[in-house]
């Protein structure tokens, strides 16, 4: 299932949080060789985890982490503005309609459907929080994955070559991509909508009812 959790609420799900941060260490330090900080618990964390970001997390049936992404509004501190402005020639991205997405991470044994499930989670976040775009840093490997799902970014900057190339892009969510993403995730829009509403203790109404209410507002 998908969970939408602020950092301040992670202590309510200790197994999920523990495995998420450990899997981040495995992916970013051990497998990709990034220069990241890993604490004595084997957790990969940085300063942006300390400012109450919102995580979209795929939770396995046993309560462990299957995959996750981290989101922050660009009106506050972000990695893009603090560390990657050179990729976009010093442009400062700040808007209540744009959130940053970072730390896309998959568990070492993640099911193939997890990536698509996280994309659906991001779409729910975009819909309910009235976000127009996400901004994030990506490498060629991730760009290929986005292409397979039909959610390619609008590239606004690139630096480097080959394996060292990184880009910065903006994402919307084109509803025409939803059937492909849902098929790969083996999830319905109704399931994603329900999980979002449960995470924020919202009344459980159907996705169809929600769209009708939105159109009549």
N, C-alpha and C. Protein backbone atom coordinates (compact mmCIF):
# COMPACT_ATOMS: atom_id res chain seq x y z
N UNK A 1 0.83 -1.20 0.00
CA UNK A 1 0.00 0.00 0.00
C UNK A 1 0.87 1.25 0.00
N UNK A 2 0.25 2.39 -0.27
CA UNK A 2 0.95 3.67 -0.23
C UNK A 2 0.64 4.37 1.08
N UNK A 3 1.68 4.97 1.65
CA UNK A 3 1.50 5.84 2.81
C UNK A 3 2.06 7.21 2.48
N UNK A 4 1.36 8.22 2.97
CA UNK A 4 1.79 9.61 2.83
C UNK A 4 2.07 10.11 4.24
N UNK A 5 3.35 10.30 4.57
CA UNK A 5 3.73 10.59 5.94
C UNK A 5 4.69 11.77 6.02
N UNK A 6 4.37 12.71 6.91
CA UNK A 6 5.34 13.75 7.24
C UNK A 6 6.42 13.14 8.15
N UNK A 7 7.60 13.72 8.11
CA UNK A 7 8.71 13.21 8.92
C UNK A 7 8.34 13.15 10.40
N UNK A 8 7.57 14.12 10.87
CA UNK A 8 7.19 14.14 12.28
C UNK A 8 6.33 12.95 12.69
N UNK A 9 5.76 12.25 11.70
CA UNK A 9 4.89 11.11 12.00
C UNK A 9 5.57 9.76 11.78
N UNK A 10 6.83 9.77 11.35
CA UNK A 10 7.50 8.51 11.06
C UNK A 10 7.66 7.62 12.28
N UNK A 11 7.73 8.23 13.47
CA UNK A 11 7.91 7.41 14.67
C UNK A 11 6.71 6.51 14.95
N UNK A 12 5.59 6.76 14.30
CA UNK A 12 4.42 5.90 14.44
C UNK A 12 4.57 4.62 13.62
N UNK A 13 5.57 4.60 12.73
CA UNK A 13 5.81 3.46 11.85
C UNK A 13 7.30 3.11 11.89
N UNK A 14 7.79 2.62 13.04
CA UNK A 14 9.24 2.45 13.22
C UNK A 14 9.89 1.48 12.25
N UNK A 15 9.22 0.38 11.90
CA UNK A 15 9.81 -0.57 10.96
C UNK A 15 9.90 0.04 9.58
N UNK A 16 8.85 0.73 9.17
CA UNK A 16 8.83 1.38 7.86
C UNK A 16 9.93 2.44 7.76
N UNK A 17 10.06 3.28 8.79
CA UNK A 17 11.07 4.33 8.78
C UNK A 17 12.48 3.74 8.80
N UNK A 18 12.70 2.75 9.66
CA UNK A 18 14.03 2.15 9.78
C UNK A 18 14.48 1.55 8.46
N UNK A 19 13.60 0.80 7.82
CA UNK A 19 13.99 0.15 6.56
C UNK A 19 14.12 1.16 5.42
N UNK A 20 13.32 2.23 5.44
CA UNK A 20 13.46 3.25 4.40
C UNK A 20 14.84 3.89 4.44
N UNK A 21 15.26 4.34 5.62
CA UNK A 21 16.56 5.01 5.72
C UNK A 21 17.72 4.04 5.48
N UNK A 22 17.56 2.77 5.86
CA UNK A 22 18.60 1.78 5.57
C UNK A 22 18.68 1.49 4.08
N UNK A 23 17.54 1.41 3.44
CA UNK A 23 17.55 1.17 1.99
C UNK A 23 18.13 2.36 1.24
N UNK A 24 17.92 3.56 1.76
CA UNK A 24 18.54 4.73 1.14
C UNK A 24 20.07 4.62 1.21
N UNK A 25 20.60 4.15 2.34
CA UNK A 25 22.05 3.97 2.46
C UNK A 25 22.55 2.94 1.46
N UNK A 26 21.81 1.84 1.32
CA UNK A 26 22.21 0.78 0.38
C UNK A 26 22.21 1.31 -1.05
N UNK A 27 21.18 2.05 -1.40
CA UNK A 27 21.07 2.54 -2.78
C UNK A 27 22.06 3.65 -3.08
N UNK A 28 22.08 4.69 -2.25
CA UNK A 28 22.85 5.88 -2.59
C UNK A 28 24.33 5.75 -2.25
N UNK A 29 24.67 5.17 -1.10
CA UNK A 29 26.09 5.03 -0.75
C UNK A 29 26.70 3.78 -1.35
N UNK A 30 26.07 2.62 -1.07
CA UNK A 30 26.70 1.36 -1.44
C UNK A 30 26.62 1.06 -2.94
N UNK A 31 25.46 1.31 -3.54
CA UNK A 31 25.30 0.93 -4.95
C UNK A 31 25.70 2.03 -5.92
N UNK A 32 25.30 3.28 -5.62
CA UNK A 32 25.58 4.38 -6.54
C UNK A 32 26.87 5.12 -6.19
N UNK A 33 27.39 4.91 -4.99
CA UNK A 33 28.65 5.54 -4.61
C UNK A 33 28.56 7.02 -4.33
N UNK A 34 27.38 7.50 -3.93
CA UNK A 34 27.23 8.91 -3.61
C UNK A 34 27.92 9.23 -2.28
N UNK A 35 28.35 10.46 -2.14
CA UNK A 35 28.97 10.93 -0.90
C UNK A 35 27.85 11.41 0.04
N UNK A 36 27.25 10.47 0.75
CA UNK A 36 26.14 10.78 1.64
C UNK A 36 26.50 10.37 3.06
N UNK A 37 25.77 10.91 4.02
CA UNK A 37 26.02 10.62 5.44
C UNK A 37 25.16 9.45 5.90
N UNK A 38 25.82 8.47 6.51
CA UNK A 38 25.11 7.31 7.07
C UNK A 38 25.47 7.22 8.54
N UNK A 39 24.45 7.17 9.40
CA UNK A 39 24.71 7.19 10.84
C UNK A 39 24.97 5.79 11.39
N UNK A 40 25.13 5.69 12.72
CA UNK A 40 25.47 4.41 13.35
C UNK A 40 24.36 3.38 13.22
N UNK A 41 23.15 3.83 12.91
CA UNK A 41 22.04 2.90 12.71
C UNK A 41 21.96 2.39 11.27
N UNK A 42 22.88 2.87 10.43
CA UNK A 42 22.85 2.49 9.03
C UNK A 42 21.84 3.28 8.22
N UNK A 43 21.43 4.44 8.76
CA UNK A 43 20.44 5.28 8.10
C UNK A 43 21.10 6.37 7.27
N UNK A 44 20.67 6.52 6.04
CA UNK A 44 21.10 7.66 5.22
C UNK A 44 20.11 8.79 5.42
N UNK A 45 20.58 9.87 5.97
CA UNK A 45 19.75 11.04 6.23
C UNK A 45 20.54 12.30 5.91
N UNK A 46 19.83 13.38 5.60
CA UNK A 46 20.49 14.67 5.42
C UNK A 46 19.67 15.76 6.08
N UNK A 47 20.09 17.00 5.89
CA UNK A 47 19.44 18.09 6.60
C UNK A 47 18.00 18.32 6.16
N UNK A 48 17.65 17.82 4.98
CA UNK A 48 16.28 18.04 4.49
C UNK A 48 15.30 17.07 5.14
N UNK A 49 15.80 15.97 5.69
CA UNK A 49 14.94 15.08 6.47
C UNK A 49 14.58 15.68 7.82
N UNK A 50 15.30 16.73 8.20
CA UNK A 50 15.07 17.35 9.51
C UNK A 50 14.09 18.53 9.45
N UNK A 51 13.55 18.85 8.27
CA UNK A 51 12.65 20.00 8.17
C UNK A 51 11.23 19.55 7.80
N UNK A 52 10.89 18.35 8.28
CA UNK A 52 9.54 17.80 8.17
C UNK A 52 9.03 17.69 6.73
N UNK A 53 9.80 17.00 5.87
CA UNK A 53 9.30 16.77 4.51
C UNK A 53 8.13 15.79 4.53
N UNK A 54 7.48 15.67 3.40
CA UNK A 54 6.42 14.69 3.22
C UNK A 54 6.98 13.53 2.39
N UNK A 55 6.83 12.31 2.89
CA UNK A 55 7.29 11.13 2.18
C UNK A 55 6.10 10.39 1.57
N UNK A 56 6.25 9.95 0.34
CA UNK A 56 5.32 9.00 -0.25
C UNK A 56 6.05 7.65 -0.22
N UNK A 57 5.48 6.69 0.48
CA UNK A 57 6.18 5.43 0.75
C UNK A 57 5.31 4.24 0.34
N UNK A 58 5.91 3.33 -0.39
CA UNK A 58 5.27 2.05 -0.65
C UNK A 58 5.59 1.14 0.53
N UNK A 59 4.56 0.71 1.24
CA UNK A 59 4.74 -0.17 2.39
C UNK A 59 4.40 -1.60 1.98
N UNK A 60 5.34 -2.52 2.22
CA UNK A 60 5.10 -3.92 1.95
C UNK A 60 4.12 -4.51 2.96
N UNK A 61 3.64 -5.71 2.68
CA UNK A 61 2.66 -6.36 3.55
C UNK A 61 3.20 -6.59 4.96
N UNK A 62 4.52 -6.74 5.08
CA UNK A 62 5.12 -6.97 6.41
C UNK A 62 5.51 -5.69 7.12
N UNK A 63 5.11 -4.54 6.57
CA UNK A 63 5.40 -3.27 7.22
C UNK A 63 6.73 -2.65 6.85
N UNK A 64 7.48 -3.29 5.98
CA UNK A 64 8.79 -2.76 5.58
C UNK A 64 8.66 -1.86 4.35
N UNK A 65 9.73 -1.16 4.08
CA UNK A 65 9.80 -0.20 2.98
C UNK A 65 10.03 -0.89 1.65
N UNK A 66 9.19 -0.55 0.66
CA UNK A 66 9.39 -1.07 -0.69
C UNK A 66 9.95 -0.03 -1.63
N UNK A 67 9.67 1.24 -1.35
CA UNK A 67 10.16 2.34 -2.17
C UNK A 67 9.61 3.64 -1.63
N UNK A 68 10.24 4.75 -1.99
CA UNK A 68 9.80 6.03 -1.43
C UNK A 68 10.34 7.21 -2.22
N UNK A 69 9.71 8.35 -1.98
CA UNK A 69 10.16 9.64 -2.49
C UNK A 69 9.94 10.67 -1.39
N UNK A 70 10.71 11.75 -1.44
CA UNK A 70 10.63 12.82 -0.44
C UNK A 70 10.22 14.13 -1.13
N UNK A 71 9.27 14.84 -0.52
CA UNK A 71 8.75 16.06 -1.13
C UNK A 71 8.86 17.25 -0.17
N UNK A 72 9.24 18.39 -0.74
CA UNK A 72 9.29 19.65 0.00
C UNK A 72 8.79 20.78 -0.89
N UNK A 73 8.03 21.72 -0.31
CA UNK A 73 7.63 22.90 -1.09
C UNK A 73 8.85 23.75 -1.41
N UNK A 74 8.89 24.30 -2.60
CA UNK A 74 10.05 25.11 -3.00
C UNK A 74 10.03 26.50 -2.38
N UNK A 75 8.99 26.82 -1.60
CA UNK A 75 8.97 28.09 -0.88
C UNK A 75 9.93 28.09 0.29
N UNK A 76 10.43 26.90 0.67
CA UNK A 76 11.42 26.79 1.74
C UNK A 76 12.73 26.26 1.21
N UNK A 77 13.54 25.68 2.09
CA UNK A 77 14.84 25.13 1.70
C UNK A 77 14.65 23.89 0.83
N UNK A 78 15.43 23.81 -0.24
CA UNK A 78 15.41 22.64 -1.13
C UNK A 78 16.80 22.34 -1.62
N UNK A 79 17.02 21.09 -2.03
CA UNK A 79 18.30 20.70 -2.60
C UNK A 79 18.55 21.42 -3.92
N UNK A 80 17.49 21.59 -4.71
CA UNK A 80 17.65 22.23 -6.02
C UNK A 80 18.28 23.61 -5.87
N UNK A 81 17.69 24.42 -5.00
CA UNK A 81 18.18 25.80 -4.84
C UNK A 81 19.49 25.87 -4.09
N UNK A 82 19.69 24.94 -3.14
CA UNK A 82 20.89 25.00 -2.30
C UNK A 82 22.12 24.36 -2.93
N UNK A 83 21.91 23.33 -3.77
CA UNK A 83 23.06 22.56 -4.26
C UNK A 83 23.12 22.37 -5.77
N UNK A 84 22.03 22.59 -6.47
CA UNK A 84 22.02 22.28 -7.90
C UNK A 84 21.64 23.47 -8.77
N UNK A 85 21.70 24.68 -8.22
CA UNK A 85 21.35 25.86 -9.00
C UNK A 85 22.26 26.02 -10.22
N UNK A 86 23.51 25.53 -10.11
CA UNK A 86 24.44 25.66 -11.24
C UNK A 86 23.96 24.89 -12.47
N UNK A 87 23.17 23.84 -12.25
CA UNK A 87 22.68 23.04 -13.37
C UNK A 87 21.68 23.84 -14.21
N UNK A 88 21.00 24.77 -13.56
CA UNK A 88 20.00 25.59 -14.25
C UNK A 88 20.44 27.06 -14.27
N UNK A 89 21.75 27.23 -14.31
CA UNK A 89 22.37 28.55 -14.49
C UNK A 89 21.91 29.56 -13.44
N UNK A 90 21.86 29.08 -12.22
CA UNK A 90 21.58 29.98 -11.10
C UNK A 90 20.12 30.34 -10.89
N UNK A 91 19.23 29.75 -11.67
CA UNK A 91 17.80 30.03 -11.50
C UNK A 91 17.33 29.59 -10.12
N UNK A 92 16.57 30.43 -9.46
CA UNK A 92 16.03 30.11 -8.14
C UNK A 92 14.57 29.70 -8.33
N UNK A 93 14.29 28.44 -8.04
CA UNK A 93 12.93 27.92 -8.24
C UNK A 93 12.15 28.01 -6.94
N UNK A 94 11.21 28.93 -6.89
CA UNK A 94 10.38 29.10 -5.70
C UNK A 94 8.96 29.44 -6.12
N UNK A 95 8.04 28.57 -5.74
CA UNK A 95 6.64 28.79 -6.06
C UNK A 95 5.79 27.87 -5.19
N UNK A 96 4.66 28.35 -4.68
CA UNK A 96 3.76 27.46 -3.94
C UNK A 96 3.16 26.37 -4.82
N UNK A 97 3.28 26.52 -6.13
CA UNK A 97 2.72 25.54 -7.07
C UNK A 97 3.73 24.51 -7.52
N UNK A 98 5.00 24.63 -7.05
CA UNK A 98 6.06 23.70 -7.42
C UNK A 98 6.67 23.11 -6.15
N UNK A 99 6.70 21.79 -6.07
CA UNK A 99 7.35 21.10 -4.95
C UNK A 99 8.55 20.33 -5.48
N UNK A 100 9.54 20.17 -4.61
CA UNK A 100 10.72 19.39 -4.97
C UNK A 100 10.51 17.92 -4.61
N UNK A 101 10.94 17.05 -5.50
CA UNK A 101 10.93 15.61 -5.26
C UNK A 101 12.37 15.10 -5.26
N UNK A 102 12.80 14.46 -4.18
CA UNK A 102 14.16 13.93 -4.07
C UNK A 102 14.14 12.55 -3.43
N UNK A 103 15.32 11.95 -3.36
CA UNK A 103 15.56 10.68 -2.69
C UNK A 103 14.60 9.58 -3.16
N UNK A 104 14.42 9.49 -4.49
CA UNK A 104 13.67 8.36 -5.03
C UNK A 104 14.47 7.10 -4.74
N UNK A 105 13.89 6.19 -3.98
CA UNK A 105 14.63 5.02 -3.51
C UNK A 105 13.76 3.77 -3.62
N UNK A 106 14.36 2.68 -4.07
CA UNK A 106 13.68 1.39 -4.11
C UNK A 106 14.40 0.41 -3.20
N UNK A 107 13.64 -0.42 -2.51
CA UNK A 107 14.23 -1.49 -1.71
C UNK A 107 15.02 -2.43 -2.63
N UNK A 108 16.07 -3.07 -2.11
CA UNK A 108 16.88 -3.96 -2.96
C UNK A 108 16.06 -5.04 -3.65
N UNK A 109 15.00 -5.49 -3.00
CA UNK A 109 14.16 -6.56 -3.58
C UNK A 109 12.80 -6.03 -4.01
N UNK A 110 12.73 -4.75 -4.38
CA UNK A 110 11.45 -4.13 -4.70
C UNK A 110 10.76 -4.82 -5.87
N UNK A 111 9.46 -4.98 -5.73
CA UNK A 111 8.63 -5.48 -6.81
C UNK A 111 8.65 -4.48 -7.97
N UNK A 112 8.51 -4.96 -9.19
CA UNK A 112 8.57 -4.08 -10.37
C UNK A 112 7.44 -3.06 -10.38
N UNK A 113 6.37 -3.33 -9.65
CA UNK A 113 5.23 -2.41 -9.66
C UNK A 113 5.44 -1.20 -8.77
N UNK A 114 6.47 -1.23 -7.91
CA UNK A 114 6.64 -0.17 -6.90
C UNK A 114 6.88 1.19 -7.55
N UNK A 115 7.75 1.24 -8.55
CA UNK A 115 8.04 2.53 -9.19
C UNK A 115 6.77 3.18 -9.72
N UNK A 116 5.95 2.41 -10.42
CA UNK A 116 4.70 2.95 -10.94
C UNK A 116 3.76 3.34 -9.81
N UNK A 117 3.76 2.56 -8.73
CA UNK A 117 2.94 2.90 -7.58
C UNK A 117 3.32 4.24 -6.98
N UNK A 118 4.61 4.50 -6.90
CA UNK A 118 5.07 5.78 -6.36
C UNK A 118 4.67 6.94 -7.27
N UNK A 119 4.69 6.71 -8.58
CA UNK A 119 4.25 7.75 -9.52
C UNK A 119 2.77 8.06 -9.28
N UNK A 120 1.96 7.03 -9.05
CA UNK A 120 0.55 7.27 -8.75
C UNK A 120 0.40 8.04 -7.43
N UNK A 121 1.25 7.71 -6.47
CA UNK A 121 1.23 8.45 -5.21
C UNK A 121 1.54 9.92 -5.41
N UNK A 122 2.54 10.20 -6.25
CA UNK A 122 2.89 11.59 -6.56
C UNK A 122 1.73 12.29 -7.25
N UNK A 123 1.02 11.58 -8.12
CA UNK A 123 -0.14 12.17 -8.79
C UNK A 123 -1.23 12.52 -7.79
N UNK A 124 -1.44 11.67 -6.78
CA UNK A 124 -2.43 11.97 -5.75
C UNK A 124 -2.02 13.21 -4.95
N UNK A 125 -0.73 13.29 -4.64
CA UNK A 125 -0.23 14.45 -3.91
C UNK A 125 -0.44 15.72 -4.73
N UNK A 126 -0.16 15.65 -6.01
CA UNK A 126 -0.33 16.79 -6.90
C UNK A 126 -1.79 17.23 -6.93
N UNK A 127 -2.69 16.26 -7.02
CA UNK A 127 -4.12 16.56 -7.13
C UNK A 127 -4.66 17.19 -5.85
N UNK A 128 -4.37 16.59 -4.72
CA UNK A 128 -4.97 17.04 -3.46
C UNK A 128 -4.32 18.31 -2.90
N UNK A 129 -3.04 18.51 -3.19
CA UNK A 129 -2.34 19.69 -2.68
C UNK A 129 -2.32 20.83 -3.70
N UNK A 130 -2.98 20.60 -4.85
CA UNK A 130 -3.06 21.60 -5.91
C UNK A 130 -1.68 22.07 -6.35
N UNK A 131 -0.81 21.09 -6.58
CA UNK A 131 0.55 21.34 -7.06
C UNK A 131 0.53 21.24 -8.59
N UNK A 132 1.17 22.17 -9.24
CA UNK A 132 1.21 22.16 -10.70
C UNK A 132 2.37 21.32 -11.24
N UNK A 133 3.52 21.39 -10.57
CA UNK A 133 4.70 20.68 -11.06
C UNK A 133 5.58 20.24 -9.90
N UNK A 134 6.34 19.17 -10.15
CA UNK A 134 7.43 18.76 -9.27
C UNK A 134 8.74 19.10 -9.97
N UNK A 135 9.75 19.42 -9.19
CA UNK A 135 11.08 19.65 -9.74
C UNK A 135 12.03 18.67 -9.07
N UNK A 136 12.97 18.15 -9.83
CA UNK A 136 13.91 17.22 -9.26
C UNK A 136 15.14 17.02 -10.11
N UNK A 137 16.15 16.42 -9.51
CA UNK A 137 17.40 16.06 -10.19
C UNK A 137 17.31 14.60 -10.60
N UNK A 138 17.83 14.28 -11.77
CA UNK A 138 17.77 12.89 -12.24
C UNK A 138 19.04 12.57 -13.02
N UNK A 139 19.29 11.26 -13.15
CA UNK A 139 20.40 10.78 -13.96
C UNK A 139 19.84 10.01 -15.15
N UNK A 140 20.68 9.61 -16.11
CA UNK A 140 20.17 8.91 -17.30
C UNK A 140 19.38 7.65 -16.97
N UNK A 141 19.78 6.94 -15.93
CA UNK A 141 19.07 5.71 -15.54
C UNK A 141 17.62 6.03 -15.20
N UNK A 142 17.40 7.06 -14.39
CA UNK A 142 16.04 7.41 -14.01
C UNK A 142 15.26 7.97 -15.19
N UNK A 143 15.94 8.66 -16.08
CA UNK A 143 15.25 9.21 -17.25
C UNK A 143 14.66 8.09 -18.10
N UNK A 144 15.37 6.98 -18.20
CA UNK A 144 14.86 5.83 -18.96
C UNK A 144 13.61 5.25 -18.29
N UNK A 145 13.63 5.20 -16.97
CA UNK A 145 12.47 4.68 -16.23
C UNK A 145 11.26 5.58 -16.43
N UNK A 146 11.48 6.90 -16.35
CA UNK A 146 10.37 7.84 -16.56
C UNK A 146 9.79 7.67 -17.95
N UNK A 147 10.66 7.45 -18.94
CA UNK A 147 10.20 7.31 -20.31
C UNK A 147 9.30 6.08 -20.46
N UNK A 148 9.68 4.98 -19.82
CA UNK A 148 8.89 3.75 -19.89
C UNK A 148 7.49 3.96 -19.32
N UNK A 149 7.38 4.83 -18.31
CA UNK A 149 6.10 5.07 -17.67
C UNK A 149 5.30 6.19 -18.34
N UNK A 150 5.92 6.87 -19.30
CA UNK A 150 5.23 7.96 -19.97
C UNK A 150 5.13 9.23 -19.16
N UNK A 151 6.08 9.42 -18.23
CA UNK A 151 6.07 10.62 -17.38
C UNK A 151 7.41 11.34 -17.48
N UNK A 152 7.82 11.62 -18.69
CA UNK A 152 9.12 12.26 -18.92
C UNK A 152 9.11 13.71 -18.42
N UNK A 153 10.23 14.16 -17.85
CA UNK A 153 10.30 15.54 -17.37
C UNK A 153 10.54 16.53 -18.49
N UNK A 154 10.19 17.77 -18.22
CA UNK A 154 10.62 18.88 -19.07
C UNK A 154 12.01 19.27 -18.57
N UNK A 155 13.02 18.95 -19.34
CA UNK A 155 14.40 19.17 -18.90
C UNK A 155 14.72 20.67 -18.97
N UNK A 156 15.19 21.22 -17.86
CA UNK A 156 15.53 22.64 -17.83
C UNK A 156 17.01 22.89 -17.60
N UNK A 157 17.79 21.81 -17.51
CA UNK A 157 19.23 21.96 -17.38
C UNK A 157 19.93 20.62 -17.28
N UNK A 158 21.16 20.55 -17.83
CA UNK A 158 21.98 19.34 -17.75
C UNK A 158 23.44 19.75 -17.56
N UNK A 159 24.18 18.92 -16.85
CA UNK A 159 25.63 19.07 -16.76
C UNK A 159 26.25 17.68 -16.76
N UNK A 160 27.52 17.60 -17.16
CA UNK A 160 28.23 16.34 -17.14
C UNK A 160 27.97 15.51 -18.38
N UNK A 161 28.66 14.36 -18.42
CA UNK A 161 28.55 13.45 -19.56
C UNK A 161 28.51 12.02 -19.07
N UNK A 162 27.91 11.13 -19.88
CA UNK A 162 27.89 9.71 -19.55
C UNK A 162 27.24 9.43 -18.22
N UNK A 163 27.89 8.55 -17.44
CA UNK A 163 27.35 8.18 -16.13
C UNK A 163 27.35 9.34 -15.15
N UNK A 164 28.16 10.36 -15.44
CA UNK A 164 28.24 11.51 -14.53
C UNK A 164 27.24 12.60 -14.88
N UNK A 165 26.45 12.40 -15.90
CA UNK A 165 25.49 13.43 -16.29
C UNK A 165 24.33 13.50 -15.30
N UNK A 166 23.93 14.70 -14.97
CA UNK A 166 22.71 14.90 -14.18
C UNK A 166 21.88 15.98 -14.86
N UNK A 167 20.61 15.88 -14.67
CA UNK A 167 19.70 16.87 -15.22
C UNK A 167 18.75 17.37 -14.15
N UNK A 168 18.15 18.50 -14.40
CA UNK A 168 17.07 19.02 -13.56
C UNK A 168 15.85 19.13 -14.45
N UNK A 169 14.73 18.64 -13.95
CA UNK A 169 13.52 18.66 -14.75
C UNK A 169 12.29 19.03 -13.96
N UNK A 170 11.25 19.38 -14.69
CA UNK A 170 9.94 19.69 -14.12
C UNK A 170 8.95 18.63 -14.61
N UNK A 171 8.13 18.15 -13.70
CA UNK A 171 7.12 17.15 -14.02
C UNK A 171 5.73 17.67 -13.74
N UNK A 172 4.83 17.43 -14.65
CA UNK A 172 3.41 17.51 -14.37
C UNK A 172 2.91 16.07 -14.34
N UNK A 173 1.61 15.89 -14.36
CA UNK A 173 1.08 14.53 -14.53
C UNK A 173 -0.01 14.59 -15.58
N UNK A 174 0.29 14.05 -16.73
CA UNK A 174 -0.65 14.00 -17.84
C UNK A 174 -1.60 12.82 -17.61
N UNK A 175 -2.88 13.10 -17.48
CA UNK A 175 -3.85 12.04 -17.19
C UNK A 175 -3.87 10.96 -18.26
N UNK A 176 -3.38 11.27 -19.47
CA UNK A 176 -3.34 10.24 -20.51
C UNK A 176 -2.33 9.15 -20.16
N UNK A 177 -1.40 9.44 -19.25
CA UNK A 177 -0.42 8.43 -18.83
C UNK A 177 -0.97 7.52 -17.74
N UNK A 178 -2.09 7.90 -17.13
CA UNK A 178 -2.60 7.16 -15.98
C UNK A 178 -2.87 5.68 -16.28
N UNK A 179 -3.55 5.33 -17.39
CA UNK A 179 -3.80 3.90 -17.63
C UNK A 179 -2.54 3.06 -17.66
N UNK A 180 -1.48 3.56 -18.33
CA UNK A 180 -0.22 2.81 -18.39
C UNK A 180 0.39 2.67 -17.00
N UNK A 181 0.41 3.76 -16.23
CA UNK A 181 1.01 3.71 -14.90
C UNK A 181 0.21 2.79 -13.99
N UNK A 182 -1.11 2.88 -14.04
CA UNK A 182 -1.95 2.03 -13.20
C UNK A 182 -1.77 0.55 -13.57
N UNK A 183 -1.63 0.28 -14.86
CA UNK A 183 -1.43 -1.10 -15.30
C UNK A 183 -0.11 -1.65 -14.77
N UNK A 184 0.95 -0.85 -14.84
CA UNK A 184 2.25 -1.32 -14.34
C UNK A 184 2.25 -1.47 -12.82
N UNK A 185 1.50 -0.59 -12.13
CA UNK A 185 1.45 -0.65 -10.67
C UNK A 185 0.45 -1.69 -10.17
N UNK A 186 -0.43 -2.12 -11.06
CA UNK A 186 -1.53 -3.02 -10.68
C UNK A 186 -2.37 -2.40 -9.57
N UNK A 187 -2.60 -1.11 -9.73
CA UNK A 187 -3.39 -0.35 -8.77
C UNK A 187 -4.43 0.46 -9.51
N UNK A 188 -5.54 0.72 -8.86
CA UNK A 188 -6.55 1.58 -9.45
C UNK A 188 -6.43 2.98 -8.87
N UNK A 189 -7.02 3.95 -9.56
CA UNK A 189 -7.07 5.31 -9.03
C UNK A 189 -7.83 5.33 -7.71
N UNK A 190 -8.83 4.47 -7.59
CA UNK A 190 -9.63 4.39 -6.37
C UNK A 190 -8.79 3.98 -5.17
N UNK A 191 -7.90 3.00 -5.36
CA UNK A 191 -7.03 2.56 -4.28
C UNK A 191 -6.09 3.68 -3.85
N UNK A 192 -5.46 4.34 -4.83
CA UNK A 192 -4.53 5.42 -4.50
C UNK A 192 -5.25 6.55 -3.78
N UNK A 193 -6.45 6.87 -4.23
CA UNK A 193 -7.25 7.93 -3.60
C UNK A 193 -7.60 7.56 -2.16
N UNK A 194 -7.98 6.31 -1.94
CA UNK A 194 -8.34 5.85 -0.59
C UNK A 194 -7.15 5.92 0.34
N UNK A 195 -5.98 5.46 -0.13
CA UNK A 195 -4.79 5.48 0.72
C UNK A 195 -4.38 6.90 1.08
N UNK A 196 -4.52 7.82 0.13
CA UNK A 196 -4.22 9.22 0.43
C UNK A 196 -5.15 9.73 1.52
N UNK A 197 -6.42 9.49 1.37
CA UNK A 197 -7.41 10.00 2.32
C UNK A 197 -7.22 9.37 3.70
N UNK A 198 -6.88 8.11 3.75
CA UNK A 198 -6.62 7.47 5.03
C UNK A 198 -5.40 8.07 5.72
N UNK A 199 -4.38 8.40 4.93
CA UNK A 199 -3.16 8.96 5.50
C UNK A 199 -3.40 10.30 6.18
N UNK A 200 -4.35 11.08 5.65
CA UNK A 200 -4.62 12.42 6.19
C UNK A 200 -5.95 12.50 6.92
N UNK A 201 -6.50 11.31 7.25
CA UNK A 201 -7.76 11.25 8.01
C UNK A 201 -8.87 12.06 7.36
N UNK A 202 -8.95 11.96 6.04
CA UNK A 202 -10.00 12.65 5.29
C UNK A 202 -11.19 11.71 5.10
N UNK A 203 -12.40 12.26 4.92
CA UNK A 203 -13.56 11.40 4.65
C UNK A 203 -13.32 10.54 3.43
N UNK A 204 -13.73 9.28 3.50
CA UNK A 204 -13.50 8.36 2.40
C UNK A 204 -14.59 8.50 1.35
N UNK A 205 -14.30 9.26 0.31
CA UNK A 205 -15.19 9.38 -0.83
C UNK A 205 -14.48 8.83 -2.04
N UNK A 206 -15.24 8.42 -3.03
CA UNK A 206 -14.64 7.81 -4.21
C UNK A 206 -13.94 8.86 -5.06
N UNK A 207 -13.04 8.37 -5.92
CA UNK A 207 -12.34 9.27 -6.84
C UNK A 207 -13.32 9.95 -7.78
N UNK A 208 -14.37 9.21 -8.19
CA UNK A 208 -15.38 9.79 -9.08
C UNK A 208 -16.13 10.91 -8.37
N UNK A 209 -16.54 10.67 -7.11
CA UNK A 209 -17.24 11.69 -6.34
C UNK A 209 -16.35 12.92 -6.14
N UNK A 210 -15.07 12.66 -5.89
CA UNK A 210 -14.13 13.74 -5.68
C UNK A 210 -14.01 14.63 -6.92
N UNK A 211 -13.93 14.00 -8.10
CA UNK A 211 -13.84 14.76 -9.34
C UNK A 211 -15.12 15.57 -9.58
N UNK A 212 -16.27 14.97 -9.26
CA UNK A 212 -17.56 15.68 -9.45
C UNK A 212 -17.63 16.90 -8.56
N UNK A 213 -17.18 16.75 -7.30
CA UNK A 213 -17.17 17.86 -6.36
C UNK A 213 -16.23 18.96 -6.83
N UNK A 214 -15.09 18.55 -7.41
CA UNK A 214 -14.11 19.52 -7.88
C UNK A 214 -14.67 20.34 -9.05
N UNK A 215 -15.37 19.65 -9.94
CA UNK A 215 -15.92 20.34 -11.11
C UNK A 215 -17.06 21.29 -10.75
N UNK A 216 -17.79 20.97 -9.66
CA UNK A 216 -18.92 21.80 -9.28
C UNK A 216 -18.53 22.93 -8.33
N UNK A 217 -17.28 22.91 -7.85
CA UNK A 217 -16.83 23.93 -6.88
C UNK A 217 -16.68 25.29 -7.57
